[in-house]
Protein backbone atom coordinates (compact mmCIF):
# COMPACT_ATOMS: atom_id res chain seq x y z
CA UNK A 1 11.80 -5.06 7.62
CA UNK A 2 9.66 -3.43 5.01
CA UNK A 3 8.13 -0.43 3.95
CA UNK A 4 4.55 -0.11 4.24
CA UNK A 5 1.67 2.53 3.33
CA UNK A 6 -1.91 2.55 4.81
CA UNK A 7 -4.61 4.48 2.54
CA UNK A 8 -7.90 5.35 4.19
CA UNK A 9 -10.99 5.33 1.14
CA UNK A 10 -13.51 4.67 3.56
CA UNK A 11 -15.66 8.18 3.17
CA UNK A 12 -18.55 8.83 1.32
CA UNK A 13 -17.33 11.49 -1.24
CA UNK A 14 -20.42 13.72 -0.81
CA UNK A 15 -18.50 16.57 -2.21
CA UNK A 16 -17.20 15.46 -5.35
CA UNK A 17 -20.59 13.90 -6.41
CA UNK A 18 -18.53 10.80 -7.80
CA UNK A 19 -16.67 8.07 -6.38
CA UNK A 20 -13.37 9.51 -6.03
CA UNK A 21 -10.94 6.42 -5.74
CA UNK A 22 -12.34 5.13 -8.99
CA UNK A 23 -12.49 8.33 -11.05
CA UNK A 24 -9.91 8.67 -13.68
CA UNK A 25 -6.74 10.51 -13.41
CA UNK A 26 -5.67 10.09 -17.18
CA UNK A 27 -5.92 6.73 -18.60
CA UNK A 28 -5.95 5.20 -14.77
CA UNK A 29 -7.87 5.56 -11.70
CA UNK A 30 -6.79 7.70 -8.65
CA UNK A 31 -6.53 4.72 -6.73
CA UNK A 32 -4.83 2.73 -9.50
CA UNK A 33 -2.10 5.59 -10.00
CA UNK A 34 -2.03 5.98 -6.19
CA UNK A 35 -1.07 2.20 -5.77
CA UNK A 36 1.26 2.45 -8.61
CA UNK A 37 3.42 5.03 -7.07
CA UNK A 38 3.76 3.26 -4.07
CA UNK A 39 4.98 0.23 -6.03
CA UNK A 40 7.34 2.55 -7.82
CA UNK A 41 8.88 3.44 -4.54
CA UNK A 42 9.41 0.19 -3.14
CA UNK A 43 6.57 -0.11 -0.93
CA UNK A 44 5.80 -3.75 -0.55
CA UNK A 45 3.11 -3.49 1.76
CA UNK A 46 -0.13 -1.60 0.94
CA UNK A 47 -3.16 -1.67 2.86
CA UNK A 48 -6.11 0.14 2.05
CA UNK A 49 -9.14 0.53 4.53
CA UNK A 50 -12.25 0.52 2.49
CA UNK A 51 -16.11 1.33 3.53
CA UNK A 52 -18.27 3.22 1.07
CA UNK A 53 -19.05 1.24 -1.95
CA UNK A 54 -16.15 -1.17 -0.67
CA UNK A 55 -16.94 -4.33 -3.01
CA UNK A 56 -16.55 -2.11 -6.15
CA UNK A 57 -13.20 -0.57 -5.06
CA UNK A 58 -11.72 -3.83 -4.00
CA UNK A 59 -13.16 -5.60 -7.08
CA UNK A 60 -11.70 -2.59 -9.46
CA UNK A 61 -8.07 -2.91 -7.49
CA UNK A 62 -8.24 -6.91 -7.29
CA UNK A 63 -4.62 -8.59 -8.50
CA UNK A 64 -2.52 -5.10 -7.66
CA UNK A 65 -1.13 -6.45 -4.66
CA UNK A 66 -3.23 -4.34 -2.01
CA UNK A 67 -4.55 -5.82 1.30
CA UNK A 68 -8.14 -4.55 1.88
CA UNK A 69 -9.65 -4.11 5.20
CA UNK A 70 -13.20 -2.81 6.12
CA UNK A 71 -14.71 0.04 8.40
CA UNK A 72 -17.79 -1.48 8.28
CA UNK A 73 -19.08 1.99 10.78
CA UNK A 74 -17.83 4.04 8.15
CA UNK A 75 -21.27 6.06 8.04
CA UNK A 76 -20.99 6.60 11.76
CA UNK A 77 -16.82 7.23 12.31
CA UNK A 78 -14.23 9.33 11.21
CA UNK A 79 -11.21 9.15 9.07
CA UNK A 80 -9.08 8.76 12.41
CA UNK A 81 -11.20 5.42 13.10
CA UNK A 82 -10.30 3.91 9.76
CA UNK A 83 -6.99 5.33 9.74
CA UNK A 84 -6.46 2.93 13.19
CA UNK A 85 -8.16 0.19 11.45
CA UNK A 86 -4.91 0.33 8.93
CA UNK A 87 -2.54 1.15 11.39
CA UNK A 88 -3.32 -1.46 14.02
CA UNK A 89 -3.04 -4.21 11.17
CA UNK A 90 0.22 -3.22 10.14
CA UNK A 91 1.87 -2.26 13.25
CA UNK A 92 4.98 -4.16 13.58
CA UNK A 93 5.15 -5.41 9.87
CA UNK A 94 7.62 -2.22 8.46
CA UNK A 95 10.06 -0.41 9.61
CA UNK A 96 8.25 2.85 8.45
CA UNK A 97 4.97 3.52 7.53
CA UNK A 98 3.35 5.75 5.17
CA UNK A 99 -0.29 7.01 5.64
CA UNK A 100 -2.42 9.07 3.42
CA UNK A 101 -6.32 9.76 2.47
CA UNK A 102 -7.16 7.69 -1.17
CA UNK A 103 -7.93 11.37 -2.77
CA UNK A 104 -3.80 12.65 -2.79
CA UNK A 105 -2.88 10.38 -5.59
CA UNK A 106 -0.16 12.72 -7.12
CA UNK A 107 2.88 12.87 -5.08
CA UNK A 108 5.92 11.08 -6.39
CA UNK A 109 7.88 8.37 -5.62
CA UNK A 110 11.26 10.88 -5.28
CA UNK A 111 9.22 12.55 -2.48
CA UNK A 112 8.86 9.41 -0.35
CA UNK A 113 12.29 8.82 -1.05
CA UNK A 114 13.45 12.11 0.53
CA UNK A 115 11.14 11.16 3.66
CA UNK A 116 13.04 7.82 4.11
CA UNK A 117 16.36 9.06 3.30
CA UNK A 118 15.36 11.71 6.52
CA UNK A 119 15.14 8.71 8.91
CA UNK A 120 12.92 10.21 10.84
CA UNK A 121 10.30 8.84 13.07
CA UNK A 122 7.86 11.25 12.27
CA UNK A 123 7.90 13.19 8.65
CA UNK A 124 5.72 15.25 6.29
CA UNK A 125 6.37 16.40 3.62
CA UNK A 126 6.28 20.44 2.93
CA UNK A 127 6.09 22.14 -0.85
CA UNK A 128 5.71 26.00 -0.95
CA UNK A 129 5.35 26.52 2.89
CA UNK A 130 2.58 23.95 3.16
CA UNK A 131 2.49 20.64 5.03
CA UNK A 132 0.85 18.09 2.77
CA UNK A 133 0.83 13.79 1.85
CA UNK A 134 1.92 11.38 2.88
CA UNK A 135 2.97 11.28 6.47
CA UNK A 136 5.98 8.70 7.31
CA UNK A 137 5.75 7.16 10.53
CA UNK A 138 7.53 4.55 12.72
CA UNK A 139 5.97 1.69 14.80
CA UNK A 140 6.77 3.80 18.09
CA UNK A 141 4.62 7.11 16.71
CA UNK A 142 1.73 4.26 15.22
CA UNK A 143 1.78 2.64 18.87
CA UNK A 144 0.99 6.51 20.30
CA UNK A 145 -1.71 7.11 17.62
CA UNK A 146 -3.32 3.78 18.43
CA UNK A 147 -3.52 4.56 21.92
CA UNK A 148 -4.73 8.30 21.41
CA UNK A 149 -8.28 9.58 22.08
CA UNK A 150 -8.57 10.99 18.62
CA UNK A 151 -9.52 14.59 19.65
CA UNK A 152 -8.99 16.28 16.73
CA UNK A 153 -8.46 13.55 14.48
CA UNK A 154 -4.95 12.70 13.00
CA UNK A 155 -3.55 15.91 13.22
CA UNK A 156 -4.33 16.26 17.07
CA UNK A 157 -2.72 12.77 17.84
CA UNK A 158 0.12 13.40 16.30
CA UNK A 159 0.59 16.65 17.96
CA UNK A 160 0.01 14.90 21.14
CA UNK A 161 2.48 11.78 20.41
CA UNK A 162 5.47 13.37 21.94
CA UNK A 163 7.49 12.69 19.15
CA UNK A 164 9.08 15.35 17.19
CA UNK A 165 8.09 16.01 13.30
CA UNK A 166 10.73 16.51 10.73
CA UNK A 167 9.10 18.67 7.96
CA UNK A 168 10.86 17.54 4.53
CA UNK A 169 10.75 20.43 2.01
CA UNK A 170 10.00 18.92 -1.42
CA UNK A 171 8.85 20.54 -4.68
CA UNK A 172 6.41 18.21 -5.57
CA UNK A 173 2.89 19.82 -6.02
CA UNK A 174 1.05 16.57 -5.77
CA UNK A 175 1.47 16.66 -2.22
CA UNK A 176 -0.95 19.10 -1.97
CA UNK A 177 -3.56 18.41 -4.02
CA UNK A 178 -6.60 16.43 -3.05
CA UNK A 179 -10.04 15.83 -4.47
CA UNK A 180 -12.93 17.16 -2.80
CA UNK A 181 -14.39 18.97 -5.58
CA UNK A 182 -14.33 18.95 -9.37
CA UNK A 183 -11.94 22.00 -9.77
CA UNK A 184 -9.81 20.18 -7.67
CA UNK A 185 -10.19 17.46 -10.16
CA UNK A 186 -9.34 19.18 -13.16
CA UNK A 187 -6.32 20.45 -11.48
CA UNK A 188 -5.09 17.03 -10.87
CA UNK A 189 -5.60 15.98 -14.43
CA UNK A 190 -3.46 18.32 -15.86
CA UNK A 191 -0.67 17.85 -13.03
CA UNK A 192 -0.75 14.15 -14.01
CA UNK A 193 -0.25 14.63 -17.39
CA UNK A 194 2.99 16.36 -16.59
CA UNK A 195 4.79 13.52 -14.36
CA UNK A 196 3.59 10.42 -15.56
CA UNK A 197 6.09 8.55 -17.17
CA UNK A 198 8.04 6.40 -14.88
CA UNK A 199 9.92 2.86 -14.81
CA UNK A 200 7.84 -0.05 -13.64
CA UNK A 201 9.02 -3.24 -13.18
CA UNK A 202 6.57 -6.61 -12.63
CA UNK A 203 8.88 -9.73 -11.68
CA UNK A 204 7.42 -13.03 -12.69
CA UNK A 205 9.73 -16.28 -12.15
CA UNK A 206 9.48 -19.16 -14.89
CA UNK A 207 10.11 -22.72 -15.17
CA UNK A 208 8.56 -24.31 -17.93
CA UNK A 209 5.89 -21.91 -17.30
CA UNK A 210 5.27 -18.61 -15.28
CA UNK A 211 4.98 -19.72 -11.70
CA UNK A 212 5.51 -17.23 -9.21
CA UNK A 213 4.85 -13.12 -8.87
CA UNK A 214 4.57 -10.63 -6.91
CA UNK A 215 0.81 -11.49 -5.90
CA UNK A 216 1.96 -15.01 -5.20
CA UNK A 217 4.29 -13.36 -2.68
CA UNK A 218 1.81 -11.53 -1.03
CA UNK A 219 -0.51 -14.54 -0.67
CA UNK A 220 2.30 -16.66 1.25
CA UNK A 221 3.19 -13.66 3.16
CA UNK A 222 -0.53 -13.19 4.17
CA UNK A 223 -0.98 -16.96 5.00
CA UNK A 224 2.23 -16.52 7.05
CA UNK A 225 0.70 -13.77 8.90
CA UNK A 226 -2.71 -14.97 9.37
CA UNK A 227 -2.42 -18.73 9.43
CA UNK A 228 -5.07 -19.04 7.21
CA UNK A 229 -5.52 -19.39 2.71
CA UNK A 230 -9.10 -18.37 3.82
CA UNK A 231 -8.13 -15.37 5.33
CA UNK A 232 -5.42 -14.49 3.42
CA UNK A 233 -7.24 -14.82 -0.45
CA UNK A 234 -10.17 -12.47 1.69
CA UNK A 235 -7.71 -9.46 2.31
CA UNK A 236 -6.55 -10.06 -1.33
CA UNK A 237 -10.19 -10.44 -2.64
CA UNK A 238 -9.62 -13.72 -4.51
CA UNK A 239 -11.58 -16.73 -3.74
CA UNK A 240 -10.58 -19.31 -1.72
CA UNK A 241 -10.71 -22.27 -4.28
CA UNK A 242 -8.70 -20.03 -7.03
CA UNK A 243 -6.06 -19.50 -3.89
CA UNK A 244 -5.84 -23.22 -3.33
CA UNK A 245 -5.12 -23.79 -6.96
CA UNK A 246 -2.46 -21.21 -7.36
CA UNK A 247 -0.68 -22.74 -4.44
CA UNK A 248 -1.25 -26.24 -5.77
CA UNK A 249 0.09 -25.31 -9.23
CA UNK A 250 3.44 -23.62 -7.26
CA UNK A 251 3.87 -26.83 -5.48
CA UNK A 252 3.65 -28.48 -8.46
CA UNK A 253 6.41 -26.78 -10.54
CA UNK A 254 8.54 -26.63 -7.42
CA UNK A 255 7.99 -29.97 -6.80
CA UNK A 256 7.88 -29.71 -2.70
CA UNK A 257 5.41 -28.22 0.00
CA UNK A 258 4.99 -24.64 0.32
CA UNK A 259 2.00 -24.48 2.62
CA UNK A 260 1.71 -26.92 5.71
CA UNK A 261 -1.92 -27.96 6.10
CA UNK A 262 -3.15 -28.82 9.79
CA UNK A 263 -6.70 -29.90 9.95
CA UNK A 264 -8.97 -29.83 12.88
CA UNK A 265 -8.14 -29.39 16.74
CA UNK A 266 -9.64 -27.50 19.70
CA UNK A 267 -8.05 -24.21 17.24
CA UNK A 268 -9.47 -25.22 14.37
CA UNK A 269 -7.76 -25.84 11.06
CA UNK A 270 -4.39 -23.34 10.64
CA UNK A 271 -1.91 -23.49 7.51
CA UNK A 272 1.75 -22.39 7.87
CA UNK A 273 4.50 -21.90 5.59
CA UNK A 274 7.06 -24.51 5.38
CA UNK A 275 10.77 -23.65 5.44
CA UNK A 276 10.59 -23.76 1.58
CA UNK A 277 7.86 -21.76 1.16
CA UNK A 278 9.54 -19.02 3.74
CA UNK A 279 12.60 -19.28 1.65
CA UNK A 280 10.91 -18.56 -1.49
CA UNK A 281 9.22 -15.57 -0.25
CA UNK A 282 11.78 -13.65 1.70
CA UNK A 283 14.39 -14.18 -1.53
CA UNK A 284 11.61 -12.92 -4.25
CA UNK A 285 11.56 -9.67 -1.88
CA UNK A 286 14.97 -9.49 -1.82
CA UNK A 287 15.49 -9.79 -5.81
CA UNK A 288 12.20 -7.59 -6.17
CA UNK A 289 13.88 -4.53 -3.85
CA UNK A 290 17.21 -5.02 -5.52
CA UNK A 291 16.08 -4.96 -8.98
CA UNK A 292 13.73 -2.04 -8.19
CA UNK A 293 16.46 -0.27 -7.42
CA UNK A 294 18.64 -1.12 -10.24
CA UNK A 295 15.94 -0.11 -12.73
CA UNK A 296 15.80 3.50 -11.10
CA UNK A 297 19.64 3.72 -11.40
CA UNK A 298 19.60 2.87 -15.19
CA UNK A 299 16.69 5.16 -15.81
CA UNK A 300 18.51 8.13 -14.56
CA UNK A 301 21.26 6.95 -16.96
CA UNK A 302 19.54 6.53 -19.93
CA UNK A 303 16.40 8.73 -19.86
CA UNK A 304 17.90 11.72 -17.82
CA UNK A 305 16.74 15.00 -19.74
CA UNK A 306 14.70 13.07 -22.29
CA UNK A 307 11.29 14.16 -21.29
CA UNK A 308 12.14 17.75 -20.14
């Protein structure tokens, strides 16, 4: 099983004045920074629930390995409703899921590691005596959130779920800082500049040319879940024709079919991974996870104290 994340980014940002997810913190945007931190921590399934300016945000993050879901009723619903959209999708797909709003982008990968090491079904980071983000959830907690009435939002649902919350002490101010006003925004930029350096691993498999990477692994994963190339492409914000071009190119390079095409019938057309396609995808994810862990170990060995 994998580690997942749900980012809620459907709100209209009325207090900030600008569209928060696409505002820069340093040289990259708030949403890009958040996705990068999740990937650094080894989160392989990142779901973002969009609403206000959905097309612009999805285009902004296209190609970053994010799965997009929309809250079409974002103007008349609350954050809890967006949370349920994301949690409903990711339920059953991951051992643990991190939940956060898009405007808390500066917690560190180390904080996420501390939460995972706690082994708790429900865990929250605490810095200077205050609860922050991200919150870590098990499937059992997610089930109870999804069946909750939503009174008092997500915090109300968590308080009623019947599963003890483990508070994990961290020295990470980024768990507390959100971007609701321009003053908050400038505080974020200052903190961002102090903690940006990190190892980032991007894996590409090549034969005579590059043919397989994280984006293609995600495409196969989504085809496996949805049984539809069209739906998989939509969730990744790539065109249907581009998706087929990618698949045809890989199959030509591999010399075998990775996706079975079943046309017609009462249920319409369906697409499924072949055994070779599933093996390629699962092996890539295992290799990626091992390589990221080794990169973190080498970084600590070689760079410890260099940037202090």
